[in-house]
Amino acid sequence: MPKVKMPRKSTAIDMTAMCDVAFLLLTFFMLATKFKPDEPVAVVTPSSINTQVLPDSDVMLFTVDKDGRVFFSMDGQPKRRKLIEDLNTQYKLGLNNAEMNNFAVGGSIGTDFKSLKSYLSMSPEQRKASGLEKGIPTDSLNGELDQWIEYGTTAQAGSSGFNKLSYCIKADNATPYPKIKEILDIFKKKHIQKLNLVTNLEAIPPGTAAALAQQESKQAN
């Protein structure tokens, strides 16, 4: 009896639909992605052996340059929008919608309240040339940093009232210690005890307690 010859079927898979999806996704991310705003100042942070990584969100960052200028930043456009709306209402800053949008989508802020309207109406390049980036006042007479902390914390908590912010200080290695102490005292007055100091990672010196603990941990694993 003759054998029945089964017809061969092609094993080729039509990838046209998958390629279309890939290019659609690529186009979406190219159009929707926004680059992180440039930092207003360059800061060389001190080194440490701490390997803890800062979270990607819910971070309130205070950058301090070598001259002691303090800059404020917080992630999340809706939270930043609420923050600037509350400050505008409380201190009657006279900000318009465009200026508040510039704050919501922008980066760090480093000026006092009376200059904030002019500051937010400028581009980052114009701000550097204007001389308005003198830093947020932290002195006991005209201090405004505590207000940024208070209103930023409220904006982060939102309607839920739950605050999961990480407070971070990114100071230059050459920043005068009295300026750092001044900032720490402000946090202390706000009853905020848990702070994160941003540093560069360095190798653990051999022979130290940290090196011995690391070695014991590796042996245990």
N, C-alpha and C. Protein backbone atom coordinates (compact mmCIF):
# COMPACT_ATOMS: atom_id res chain seq x y z
N MET A 1 0.85 -1.19 0.00
CA MET A 1 0.00 0.00 0.00
C MET A 1 0.89 1.23 0.00
N PRO A 2 0.65 2.15 -0.92
CA PRO A 2 1.53 3.32 -0.99
C PRO A 2 1.37 4.22 0.23
N LYS A 3 2.48 4.87 0.64
CA LYS A 3 2.46 5.79 1.79
C LYS A 3 1.82 7.11 1.39
N VAL A 4 1.09 7.65 2.33
CA VAL A 4 0.46 8.95 2.10
C VAL A 4 1.48 10.05 2.39
N LYS A 5 1.72 10.89 1.44
CA LYS A 5 2.70 11.97 1.60
C LYS A 5 2.02 13.18 2.22
N MET A 6 2.47 13.50 3.43
CA MET A 6 1.88 14.64 4.13
C MET A 6 2.42 15.94 3.57
N PRO A 7 1.56 16.90 3.35
CA PRO A 7 2.04 18.18 2.80
C PRO A 7 2.91 18.92 3.82
N ARG A 8 3.95 19.51 3.35
CA ARG A 8 4.84 20.28 4.23
C ARG A 8 4.29 21.68 4.47
N LYS A 9 4.43 22.07 5.72
CA LYS A 9 3.98 23.42 6.07
C LYS A 9 5.19 24.29 6.39
N SER A 10 5.12 25.51 6.02
CA SER A 10 6.22 26.44 6.25
C SER A 10 6.36 26.74 7.74
N THR A 11 7.59 26.78 8.23
CA THR A 11 7.85 27.11 9.64
C THR A 11 8.14 28.60 9.84
N ALA A 12 8.10 29.35 8.76
CA ALA A 12 8.38 30.78 8.86
C ALA A 12 7.25 31.49 9.59
N ILE A 13 7.62 32.43 10.45
CA ILE A 13 6.64 33.20 11.22
C ILE A 13 6.64 34.64 10.71
N ASP A 14 5.48 35.12 10.45
CA ASP A 14 5.35 36.50 9.97
C ASP A 14 5.60 37.46 11.13
N MET A 15 6.70 38.19 11.06
CA MET A 15 7.10 39.11 12.14
C MET A 15 6.64 40.54 11.90
N THR A 16 5.86 40.73 10.87
CA THR A 16 5.46 42.11 10.52
C THR A 16 4.72 42.78 11.66
N ALA A 17 3.74 42.06 12.24
CA ALA A 17 2.95 42.66 13.32
C ALA A 17 3.82 42.98 14.53
N MET A 18 4.76 42.09 14.88
CA MET A 18 5.63 42.33 16.04
C MET A 18 6.55 43.52 15.79
N CYS A 19 7.06 43.65 14.57
CA CYS A 19 7.91 44.80 14.25
C CYS A 19 7.13 46.10 14.35
N ASP A 20 5.87 46.06 13.91
CA ASP A 20 5.03 47.26 14.01
C ASP A 20 4.83 47.66 15.46
N VAL A 21 4.57 46.67 16.32
CA VAL A 21 4.37 46.96 17.74
C VAL A 21 5.65 47.53 18.35
N ALA A 22 6.80 46.95 17.98
CA ALA A 22 8.08 47.42 18.53
C ALA A 22 8.34 48.88 18.15
N PHE A 23 8.09 49.22 16.89
CA PHE A 23 8.31 50.60 16.45
C PHE A 23 7.30 51.56 17.06
N LEU A 24 6.08 51.10 17.29
CA LEU A 24 5.09 51.94 17.95
C LEU A 24 5.52 52.24 19.39
N LEU A 25 6.01 51.21 20.09
CA LEU A 25 6.49 51.41 21.46
C LEU A 25 7.69 52.34 21.49
N LEU A 26 8.61 52.15 20.55
CA LEU A 26 9.80 53.00 20.49
C LEU A 26 9.41 54.45 20.24
N THR A 27 8.48 54.65 19.31
CA THR A 27 8.01 56.01 19.01
C THR A 27 7.34 56.64 20.21
N PHE A 28 6.55 55.84 20.95
CA PHE A 28 5.86 56.36 22.13
C PHE A 28 6.85 56.84 23.18
N PHE A 29 7.86 56.01 23.48
CA PHE A 29 8.83 56.39 24.51
C PHE A 29 9.68 57.58 24.07
N MET A 30 9.97 57.69 22.77
CA MET A 30 10.75 58.84 22.28
C MET A 30 9.97 60.13 22.44
N LEU A 31 8.65 60.06 22.21
CA LEU A 31 7.83 61.27 22.28
C LEU A 31 7.41 61.60 23.71
N ALA A 32 7.24 60.56 24.54
CA ALA A 32 6.70 60.78 25.89
C ALA A 32 7.77 61.02 26.94
N THR A 33 8.99 60.56 26.67
CA THR A 33 10.05 60.67 27.68
C THR A 33 10.54 62.11 27.78
N LYS A 34 10.70 62.57 29.02
CA LYS A 34 11.26 63.89 29.28
C LYS A 34 12.58 63.73 30.02
N PHE A 35 13.58 64.45 29.55
CA PHE A 35 14.88 64.36 30.19
C PHE A 35 14.87 65.08 31.52
N LYS A 36 15.65 64.56 32.45
CA LYS A 36 15.75 65.20 33.76
C LYS A 36 16.43 66.56 33.62
N PRO A 37 15.85 67.61 34.23
CA PRO A 37 16.46 68.94 34.13
C PRO A 37 17.88 68.95 34.69
N ASP A 38 18.72 69.77 34.08
CA ASP A 38 20.10 69.88 34.55
C ASP A 38 20.14 70.48 35.95
N GLU A 39 21.09 70.02 36.74
CA GLU A 39 21.27 70.59 38.07
C GLU A 39 21.86 71.99 37.93
N PRO A 40 21.43 72.93 38.77
CA PRO A 40 21.90 74.32 38.65
C PRO A 40 23.37 74.49 39.04
N VAL A 41 23.88 73.59 39.88
CA VAL A 41 25.27 73.71 40.33
C VAL A 41 25.92 72.33 40.30
N ALA A 42 27.23 72.33 40.12
CA ALA A 42 28.00 71.09 40.17
C ALA A 42 28.47 70.87 41.59
N VAL A 43 28.23 69.67 42.12
CA VAL A 43 28.56 69.36 43.50
C VAL A 43 29.44 68.12 43.53
N VAL A 44 30.58 68.23 44.21
CA VAL A 44 31.47 67.08 44.41
C VAL A 44 31.21 66.54 45.81
N THR A 45 30.48 65.44 45.89
CA THR A 45 30.10 64.91 47.20
C THR A 45 31.25 64.13 47.84
N PRO A 46 31.28 64.07 49.16
CA PRO A 46 32.32 63.28 49.84
C PRO A 46 32.10 61.79 49.60
N SER A 47 33.12 61.00 49.90
CA SER A 47 33.05 59.55 49.69
C SER A 47 32.71 58.84 50.99
N SER A 48 32.07 57.68 50.85
CA SER A 48 31.78 56.83 52.00
C SER A 48 31.66 55.39 51.53
N ILE A 49 31.58 54.46 52.48
CA ILE A 49 31.46 53.04 52.14
C ILE A 49 30.02 52.57 52.23
N ASN A 50 29.09 53.50 52.42
CA ASN A 50 27.68 53.15 52.53
C ASN A 50 27.15 52.71 51.16
N THR A 51 26.57 51.53 51.09
CA THR A 51 26.08 50.99 49.82
C THR A 51 24.58 51.16 49.63
N GLN A 52 23.92 51.86 50.55
CA GLN A 52 22.47 52.06 50.43
C GLN A 52 22.17 52.95 49.23
N VAL A 53 21.22 52.52 48.41
CA VAL A 53 20.84 53.26 47.21
C VAL A 53 19.60 54.09 47.51
N LEU A 54 19.62 55.36 47.08
CA LEU A 54 18.47 56.22 47.30
C LEU A 54 17.32 55.78 46.41
N PRO A 55 16.08 55.93 46.86
CA PRO A 55 14.92 55.55 46.05
C PRO A 55 14.78 56.45 44.82
N ASP A 56 14.05 55.95 43.83
CA ASP A 56 13.86 56.71 42.59
C ASP A 56 12.73 57.74 42.71
N SER A 57 11.89 57.59 43.69
CA SER A 57 10.75 58.50 43.84
C SER A 57 10.55 58.85 45.30
N ASP A 58 9.67 59.83 45.54
CA ASP A 58 9.35 60.29 46.89
C ASP A 58 10.61 60.76 47.60
N VAL A 59 11.36 61.62 46.92
CA VAL A 59 12.61 62.15 47.45
C VAL A 59 12.55 63.67 47.48
N MET A 60 12.89 64.25 48.61
CA MET A 60 13.07 65.69 48.72
C MET A 60 14.57 65.94 48.86
N LEU A 61 15.14 66.61 47.88
CA LEU A 61 16.59 66.77 47.80
C LEU A 61 17.00 68.22 48.04
N PHE A 62 17.99 68.39 48.92
CA PHE A 62 18.55 69.71 49.19
C PHE A 62 20.02 69.68 48.77
N THR A 63 20.34 70.43 47.72
CA THR A 63 21.69 70.49 47.21
C THR A 63 22.39 71.72 47.76
N VAL A 64 23.60 71.54 48.28
CA VAL A 64 24.36 72.64 48.87
C VAL A 64 25.70 72.71 48.17
N ASP A 65 26.00 73.83 47.52
CA ASP A 65 27.27 73.94 46.80
C ASP A 65 28.38 74.40 47.75
N LYS A 66 29.58 74.52 47.22
CA LYS A 66 30.74 74.86 48.06
C LYS A 66 30.65 76.25 48.66
N ASP A 67 29.80 77.12 48.07
CA ASP A 67 29.62 78.48 48.61
C ASP A 67 28.50 78.55 49.63
N GLY A 68 27.86 77.41 49.90
CA GLY A 68 26.79 77.38 50.89
C GLY A 68 25.42 77.71 50.35
N ARG A 69 25.26 77.80 49.03
CA ARG A 69 23.95 78.06 48.44
C ARG A 69 23.11 76.78 48.50
N VAL A 70 21.85 76.93 48.90
CA VAL A 70 20.97 75.79 49.07
C VAL A 70 19.91 75.78 47.96
N PHE A 71 19.75 74.62 47.32
CA PHE A 71 18.76 74.44 46.26
C PHE A 71 17.79 73.34 46.67
N PHE A 72 16.52 73.54 46.34
CA PHE A 72 15.47 72.59 46.71
C PHE A 72 14.94 71.88 45.47
N SER A 73 14.66 70.58 45.61
CA SER A 73 14.05 69.82 44.52
C SER A 73 13.21 68.70 45.10
N MET A 74 12.14 68.36 44.37
CA MET A 74 11.26 67.25 44.76
C MET A 74 10.69 66.64 43.50
N ASP A 75 10.56 65.32 43.47
CA ASP A 75 10.07 64.64 42.27
C ASP A 75 8.55 64.64 42.23
N GLY A 76 8.00 64.35 41.04
CA GLY A 76 6.55 64.23 40.90
C GLY A 76 5.90 65.53 40.50
N GLN A 77 5.51 65.66 39.23
CA GLN A 77 4.92 66.90 38.76
C GLN A 77 3.64 67.28 39.48
N PRO A 78 2.69 66.36 39.72
CA PRO A 78 1.48 66.75 40.46
C PRO A 78 1.79 67.27 41.86
N LYS A 79 2.76 66.64 42.53
CA LYS A 79 3.12 67.08 43.89
C LYS A 79 3.81 68.44 43.84
N ARG A 80 4.66 68.64 42.84
CA ARG A 80 5.32 69.94 42.70
C ARG A 80 4.30 71.03 42.38
N ARG A 81 3.30 70.70 41.59
CA ARG A 81 2.26 71.66 41.25
C ARG A 81 1.48 72.07 42.51
N LYS A 82 1.13 71.10 43.34
CA LYS A 82 0.41 71.43 44.57
C LYS A 82 1.28 72.27 45.49
N LEU A 83 2.56 71.93 45.57
CA LEU A 83 3.49 72.68 46.42
C LEU A 83 3.54 74.15 46.02
N ILE A 84 3.71 74.41 44.74
CA ILE A 84 3.85 75.81 44.30
C ILE A 84 2.52 76.55 44.39
N GLU A 85 1.41 75.85 44.20
CA GLU A 85 0.10 76.49 44.35
C GLU A 85 -0.13 76.91 45.80
N ASP A 86 0.25 76.02 46.74
CA ASP A 86 0.09 76.35 48.16
C ASP A 86 0.98 77.53 48.56
N LEU A 87 2.22 77.53 48.10
CA LEU A 87 3.13 78.64 48.42
C LEU A 87 2.63 79.94 47.79
N ASN A 88 2.11 79.85 46.57
CA ASN A 88 1.61 81.04 45.88
C ASN A 88 0.44 81.65 46.63
N THR A 89 -0.43 80.80 47.16
CA THR A 89 -1.59 81.27 47.91
C THR A 89 -1.18 81.85 49.27
N GLN A 90 -0.30 81.14 49.96
CA GLN A 90 0.08 81.54 51.31
C GLN A 90 0.88 82.84 51.32
N TYR A 91 1.83 82.97 50.40
CA TYR A 91 2.74 84.12 50.41
C TYR A 91 2.41 85.16 49.34
N LYS A 92 1.29 84.96 48.64
CA LYS A 92 0.83 85.93 47.64
C LYS A 92 1.98 86.29 46.68
N LEU A 93 2.53 85.26 46.04
CA LEU A 93 3.68 85.44 45.16
C LEU A 93 3.29 86.01 43.80
N GLY A 94 2.02 85.95 43.45
CA GLY A 94 1.57 86.50 42.18
C GLY A 94 1.98 85.68 40.97
N LEU A 95 2.16 84.38 41.15
CA LEU A 95 2.59 83.52 40.04
C LEU A 95 1.42 83.25 39.11
N ASN A 96 1.69 83.29 37.81
CA ASN A 96 0.66 82.91 36.85
C ASN A 96 0.76 81.41 36.54
N ASN A 97 -0.15 80.94 35.71
CA ASN A 97 -0.21 79.51 35.42
C ASN A 97 1.06 79.00 34.74
N ALA A 98 1.61 79.81 33.82
CA ALA A 98 2.82 79.40 33.10
C ALA A 98 4.01 79.27 34.05
N GLU A 99 4.12 80.20 34.99
CA GLU A 99 5.23 80.16 35.94
C GLU A 99 5.11 78.98 36.89
N MET A 100 3.88 78.66 37.29
CA MET A 100 3.69 77.49 38.15
C MET A 100 3.97 76.20 37.38
N ASN A 101 3.63 76.18 36.09
CA ASN A 101 3.96 75.02 35.26
C ASN A 101 5.47 74.86 35.12
N ASN A 102 6.18 75.99 35.01
CA ASN A 102 7.65 75.93 34.91
C ASN A 102 8.25 75.29 36.17
N PHE A 103 7.64 75.58 37.31
CA PHE A 103 8.13 74.95 38.53
C PHE A 103 7.79 73.46 38.55
N ALA A 104 6.58 73.12 38.12
CA ALA A 104 6.12 71.73 38.18
C ALA A 104 6.97 70.81 37.32
N VAL A 105 7.41 71.29 36.16
CA VAL A 105 8.19 70.44 35.25
C VAL A 105 9.68 70.71 35.34
N GLY A 106 10.09 71.63 36.19
CA GLY A 106 11.49 72.02 36.27
C GLY A 106 12.29 71.21 37.25
N GLY A 107 13.48 71.73 37.56
CA GLY A 107 14.39 71.04 38.46
C GLY A 107 14.52 71.75 39.79
N SER A 108 15.74 71.98 40.21
CA SER A 108 16.00 72.57 41.52
C SER A 108 15.72 74.07 41.52
N ILE A 109 15.33 74.56 42.69
CA ILE A 109 15.04 75.98 42.90
C ILE A 109 16.02 76.52 43.93
N GLY A 110 16.62 77.68 43.63
CA GLY A 110 17.60 78.25 44.55
C GLY A 110 17.50 79.74 44.66
N THR A 111 16.37 80.25 45.12
CA THR A 111 16.19 81.69 45.30
C THR A 111 15.19 81.93 46.42
N ASP A 112 15.03 83.19 46.82
CA ASP A 112 14.08 83.51 47.89
C ASP A 112 12.69 83.74 47.31
N PHE A 113 11.69 83.84 48.18
CA PHE A 113 10.31 83.97 47.75
C PHE A 113 10.06 85.25 46.94
N LYS A 114 10.69 86.35 47.34
CA LYS A 114 10.42 87.62 46.66
C LYS A 114 10.94 87.62 45.22
N SER A 115 11.91 86.76 44.92
CA SER A 115 12.46 86.69 43.56
C SER A 115 11.91 85.52 42.77
N LEU A 116 11.01 84.74 43.38
CA LEU A 116 10.57 83.49 42.76
C LEU A 116 9.80 83.73 41.47
N LYS A 117 8.99 84.77 41.40
CA LYS A 117 8.21 85.05 40.19
C LYS A 117 9.14 85.34 39.01
N SER A 118 10.11 86.21 39.21
CA SER A 118 11.06 86.51 38.14
C SER A 118 11.89 85.28 37.79
N TYR A 119 12.24 84.52 38.81
CA TYR A 119 13.07 83.32 38.64
C TYR A 119 12.37 82.29 37.75
N LEU A 120 11.07 82.07 38.01
CA LEU A 120 10.33 81.06 37.27
C LEU A 120 9.94 81.51 35.87
N SER A 121 10.04 82.78 35.59
CA SER A 121 9.73 83.27 34.24
C SER A 121 10.92 83.14 33.30
N MET A 122 12.08 82.75 33.83
CA MET A 122 13.31 82.66 33.03
C MET A 122 13.61 81.20 32.65
N SER A 123 14.44 81.06 31.63
CA SER A 123 14.98 79.75 31.28
C SER A 123 16.14 79.43 32.23
N PRO A 124 16.54 78.15 32.33
CA PRO A 124 17.68 77.82 33.20
C PRO A 124 18.94 78.61 32.88
N GLU A 125 19.19 78.88 31.61
CA GLU A 125 20.38 79.65 31.23
C GLU A 125 20.26 81.09 31.71
N GLN A 126 19.06 81.67 31.59
CA GLN A 126 18.85 83.05 32.03
C GLN A 126 18.97 83.16 33.55
N ARG A 127 18.55 82.13 34.27
CA ARG A 127 18.62 82.17 35.73
C ARG A 127 20.07 82.26 36.20
N LYS A 128 20.94 81.50 35.54
CA LYS A 128 22.35 81.51 35.94
C LYS A 128 22.98 82.87 35.69
N ALA A 129 22.55 83.54 34.62
CA ALA A 129 23.12 84.84 34.29
C ALA A 129 22.48 85.98 35.07
N SER A 130 21.30 85.74 35.66
CA SER A 130 20.57 86.81 36.33
C SER A 130 21.12 87.18 37.69
N GLY A 131 21.83 86.25 38.32
CA GLY A 131 22.31 86.49 39.68
C GLY A 131 21.27 86.23 40.75
N LEU A 132 20.11 85.65 40.36
CA LEU A 132 19.07 85.37 41.34
C LEU A 132 19.31 84.07 42.09
N GLU A 133 20.19 83.23 41.57
CA GLU A 133 20.43 81.94 42.22
C GLU A 133 21.39 82.11 43.40
N LYS A 134 20.91 82.81 44.43
CA LYS A 134 21.70 83.03 45.64
C LYS A 134 21.43 81.96 46.69
N GLY A 135 20.55 81.02 46.37
CA GLY A 135 20.22 79.97 47.31
C GLY A 135 19.02 80.34 48.17
N ILE A 136 18.37 79.32 48.71
CA ILE A 136 17.24 79.54 49.62
C ILE A 136 17.77 80.01 50.97
N PRO A 137 17.24 81.11 51.50
CA PRO A 137 17.72 81.61 52.80
C PRO A 137 17.51 80.59 53.91
N THR A 138 18.55 80.42 54.73
CA THR A 138 18.48 79.47 55.84
C THR A 138 18.76 80.11 57.19
N ASP A 139 19.05 81.41 57.19
CA ASP A 139 19.40 82.06 58.45
C ASP A 139 18.17 82.19 59.34
N SER A 140 18.40 82.46 60.59
CA SER A 140 17.32 82.52 61.57
C SER A 140 16.41 83.73 61.37
N LEU A 141 16.90 84.78 60.70
CA LEU A 141 16.11 86.01 60.52
C LEU A 141 15.19 85.90 59.31
N ASN A 142 15.74 85.48 58.17
CA ASN A 142 14.96 85.43 56.93
C ASN A 142 14.86 84.01 56.37
N GLY A 143 14.98 83.03 57.24
CA GLY A 143 14.98 81.65 56.78
C GLY A 143 13.69 81.26 56.08
N GLU A 144 13.82 80.60 54.95
CA GLU A 144 12.67 80.13 54.18
C GLU A 144 12.72 78.62 53.91
N LEU A 145 13.85 78.01 54.25
CA LEU A 145 14.01 76.58 53.97
C LEU A 145 12.98 75.75 54.73
N ASP A 146 12.66 76.16 55.94
CA ASP A 146 11.69 75.40 56.72
C ASP A 146 10.32 75.39 56.05
N GLN A 147 9.99 76.47 55.31
CA GLN A 147 8.71 76.52 54.60
C GLN A 147 8.69 75.58 53.41
N TRP A 148 9.82 75.48 52.71
CA TRP A 148 9.92 74.51 51.61
C TRP A 148 9.76 73.10 52.14
N ILE A 149 10.35 72.82 53.30
CA ILE A 149 10.22 71.50 53.91
C ILE A 149 8.77 71.22 54.30
N GLU A 150 8.15 72.18 54.96
CA GLU A 150 6.78 71.99 55.45
C GLU A 150 5.79 71.81 54.31
N TYR A 151 5.83 72.72 53.33
CA TYR A 151 4.87 72.64 52.22
C TYR A 151 5.17 71.47 51.29
N GLY A 152 6.45 71.13 51.14
CA GLY A 152 6.81 69.97 50.33
C GLY A 152 6.32 68.68 50.96
N THR A 153 6.42 68.58 52.28
CA THR A 153 5.93 67.40 52.99
C THR A 153 4.42 67.28 52.87
N THR A 154 3.72 68.40 52.97
CA THR A 154 2.26 68.40 52.83
C THR A 154 1.84 67.98 51.42
N ALA A 155 2.56 68.49 50.42
CA ALA A 155 2.23 68.14 49.03
C ALA A 155 2.49 66.66 48.77
N GLN A 156 3.53 66.12 49.39
CA GLN A 156 3.85 64.70 49.23
C GLN A 156 2.76 63.84 49.87
N ALA A 157 2.32 64.20 51.06
CA ALA A 157 1.33 63.39 51.77
C ALA A 157 -0.01 63.41 51.04
N GLY A 158 -0.38 64.57 50.45
CA GLY A 158 -1.63 64.67 49.71
C GLY A 158 -2.84 64.45 50.60
N SER A 159 -3.91 63.97 49.97
CA SER A 159 -5.16 63.76 50.71
C SER A 159 -5.09 62.57 51.65
N SER A 160 -4.15 61.65 51.40
CA SER A 160 -4.06 60.46 52.25
C SER A 160 -3.47 60.78 53.62
N GLY A 161 -2.68 61.87 53.68
CA GLY A 161 -2.04 62.23 54.95
C GLY A 161 -0.86 61.36 55.29
N PHE A 162 -0.49 60.45 54.37
CA PHE A 162 0.62 59.54 54.62
C PHE A 162 1.87 60.07 53.96
N ASN A 163 2.94 60.17 54.72
CA ASN A 163 4.19 60.72 54.21
C ASN A 163 5.26 59.64 54.15
N LYS A 164 5.78 59.36 52.97
CA LYS A 164 6.85 58.38 52.82
C LYS A 164 8.07 59.01 52.16
N LEU A 165 8.25 60.29 52.41
CA LEU A 165 9.36 61.03 51.81
C LEU A 165 10.70 60.59 52.39
N SER A 166 11.71 60.63 51.51
CA SER A 166 13.10 60.49 51.94
C SER A 166 13.74 61.87 51.83
N TYR A 167 14.22 62.39 52.95
CA TYR A 167 14.87 63.69 52.97
C TYR A 167 16.36 63.50 52.75
N CYS A 168 16.87 64.12 51.69
CA CYS A 168 18.27 63.90 51.29
C CYS A 168 19.02 65.22 51.21
N ILE A 169 20.25 65.21 51.69
CA ILE A 169 21.13 66.38 51.60
C ILE A 169 22.33 66.00 50.74
N LYS A 170 22.51 66.74 49.66
CA LYS A 170 23.63 66.50 48.75
C LYS A 170 24.55 67.72 48.83
N ALA A 171 25.56 67.63 49.66
CA ALA A 171 26.44 68.77 49.91
C ALA A 171 27.80 68.56 49.27
N ASP A 172 28.39 69.65 48.83
CA ASP A 172 29.73 69.60 48.26
C ASP A 172 30.74 69.27 49.36
N ASN A 173 31.80 68.62 48.97
CA ASN A 173 32.84 68.25 49.93
C ASN A 173 33.48 69.47 50.58
N ALA A 174 33.40 70.62 49.88
CA ALA A 174 34.02 71.85 50.39
C ALA A 174 33.01 72.78 51.07
N THR A 175 31.78 72.33 51.25
CA THR A 175 30.78 73.17 51.91
C THR A 175 31.19 73.43 53.36
N PRO A 176 31.16 74.67 53.82
CA PRO A 176 31.51 74.95 55.22
C PRO A 176 30.58 74.21 56.18
N TYR A 177 31.14 73.63 57.22
CA TYR A 177 30.33 72.84 58.16
C TYR A 177 29.25 73.68 58.84
N PRO A 178 29.49 74.96 59.20
CA PRO A 178 28.41 75.74 59.82
C PRO A 178 27.14 75.80 58.97
N LYS A 179 27.29 75.80 57.64
CA LYS A 179 26.11 75.81 56.77
C LYS A 179 25.36 74.49 56.88
N ILE A 180 26.09 73.37 56.92
CA ILE A 180 25.45 72.07 57.07
C ILE A 180 24.73 71.98 58.42
N LYS A 181 25.38 72.47 59.47
CA LYS A 181 24.76 72.44 60.79
C LYS A 181 23.50 73.30 60.81
N GLU A 182 23.54 74.42 60.11
CA GLU A 182 22.38 75.30 60.03
C GLU A 182 21.19 74.56 59.42
N ILE A 183 21.45 73.80 58.37
CA ILE A 183 20.39 73.03 57.71
C ILE A 183 19.90 71.91 58.62
N LEU A 184 20.82 71.23 59.27
CA LEU A 184 20.44 70.14 60.18
C LEU A 184 19.59 70.66 61.34
N ASP A 185 19.91 71.85 61.82
CA ASP A 185 19.13 72.45 62.91
C ASP A 185 17.69 72.74 62.47
N ILE A 186 17.53 73.13 61.20
CA ILE A 186 16.18 73.39 60.68
C ILE A 186 15.37 72.10 60.66
N PHE A 187 15.99 71.02 60.21
CA PHE A 187 15.30 69.73 60.23
C PHE A 187 14.96 69.31 61.65
N LYS A 188 15.87 69.57 62.57
CA LYS A 188 15.64 69.21 63.96
C LYS A 188 14.43 69.96 64.52
N LYS A 189 14.31 71.23 64.18
CA LYS A 189 13.17 72.02 64.65
C LYS A 189 11.87 71.52 64.05
N LYS A 190 11.95 70.94 62.83
CA LYS A 190 10.75 70.38 62.20
C LYS A 190 10.48 68.95 62.67
N HIS A 191 11.28 68.47 63.64
CA HIS A 191 11.14 67.13 64.21
C HIS A 191 11.33 66.05 63.15
N ILE A 192 12.24 66.30 62.22
CA ILE A 192 12.61 65.31 61.21
C ILE A 192 13.99 64.79 61.58
N GLN A 193 14.03 63.55 62.04
CA GLN A 193 15.27 62.98 62.56
C GLN A 193 16.01 62.11 61.54
N LYS A 194 15.29 61.57 60.57
CA LYS A 194 15.89 60.65 59.62
C LYS A 194 16.26 61.38 58.33
N LEU A 195 17.56 61.52 58.09
CA LEU A 195 18.06 62.21 56.90
C LEU A 195 19.04 61.31 56.16
N ASN A 196 19.16 61.51 54.87
CA ASN A 196 20.10 60.77 54.04
C ASN A 196 21.13 61.74 53.47
N LEU A 197 22.40 61.46 53.69
CA LEU A 197 23.48 62.26 53.12
C LEU A 197 23.98 61.57 51.86
N VAL A 198 23.92 62.25 50.73
CA VAL A 198 24.32 61.68 49.45
C VAL A 198 25.84 61.71 49.35
N THR A 199 26.44 60.55 49.09
CA THR A 199 27.90 60.44 49.00
C THR A 199 28.28 59.59 47.79
N ASN A 200 29.57 59.62 47.47
CA ASN A 200 30.13 58.73 46.45
C ASN A 200 30.61 57.44 47.12
N LEU A 201 30.38 56.33 46.45
CA LEU A 201 30.80 55.04 47.00
C LEU A 201 32.29 54.84 46.82
N GLU A 202 32.96 54.42 47.89
CA GLU A 202 34.37 54.08 47.82
C GLU A 202 34.59 52.68 48.39
N ALA A 203 35.72 52.09 48.07
CA ALA A 203 36.02 50.74 48.55
C ALA A 203 36.22 50.75 50.07
N ILE A 204 35.82 49.66 50.70
CA ILE A 204 35.99 49.54 52.15
C ILE A 204 37.47 49.32 52.47
N PRO A 205 38.07 50.13 53.32
CA PRO A 205 39.49 49.95 53.66
C PRO A 205 39.74 48.59 54.29
N PRO A 206 40.74 47.86 53.84
CA PRO A 206 41.02 46.54 54.42
C PRO A 206 41.43 46.65 55.88
N GLY A 207 41.03 45.64 56.66
CA GLY A 207 41.40 45.61 58.07
C GLY A 207 40.45 46.33 58.99
N THR A 208 39.48 47.06 58.42
CA THR A 208 38.53 47.79 59.27
C THR A 208 37.40 46.86 59.69
N ALA A 209 36.60 47.34 60.65
CA ALA A 209 35.47 46.55 61.13
C ALA A 209 34.48 46.27 60.01
N ALA A 210 34.28 47.26 59.14
CA ALA A 210 33.36 47.07 58.02
C ALA A 210 33.86 46.01 57.06
N ALA A 211 35.18 45.98 56.83
CA ALA A 211 35.76 44.97 55.94
C ALA A 211 35.61 43.58 56.54
N LEU A 212 35.84 43.45 57.85
CA LEU A 212 35.70 42.16 58.52
C LEU A 212 34.25 41.68 58.49
N ALA A 213 33.32 42.61 58.67
CA ALA A 213 31.89 42.25 58.64
C ALA A 213 31.49 41.79 57.24
N GLN A 214 32.02 42.46 56.22
CA GLN A 214 31.74 42.07 54.85
C GLN A 214 32.29 40.68 54.54
N GLN A 215 33.50 40.40 55.04
CA GLN A 215 34.12 39.10 54.82
C GLN A 215 33.33 37.98 55.52
N GLU A 216 32.87 38.25 56.74
CA GLU A 216 32.07 37.26 57.46
C GLU A 216 30.76 37.00 56.76
N SER A 217 30.18 38.05 56.19
CA SER A 217 28.92 37.90 55.47
C SER A 217 29.08 37.03 54.25
N LYS A 218 30.21 37.22 53.52
CA LYS A 218 30.47 36.40 52.33
C LYS A 218 30.69 34.94 52.71
N GLN A 219 31.40 34.70 53.81
CA GLN A 219 31.64 33.33 54.25
C GLN A 219 30.35 32.64 54.69
N ALA A 220 29.47 33.41 55.29
CA ALA A 220 28.20 32.84 55.74
C ALA A 220 27.31 32.45 54.58
N ASN A 221 27.44 33.20 53.47
CA ASN A 221 26.63 32.89 52.29
C ASN A 221 27.26 31.77 51.46
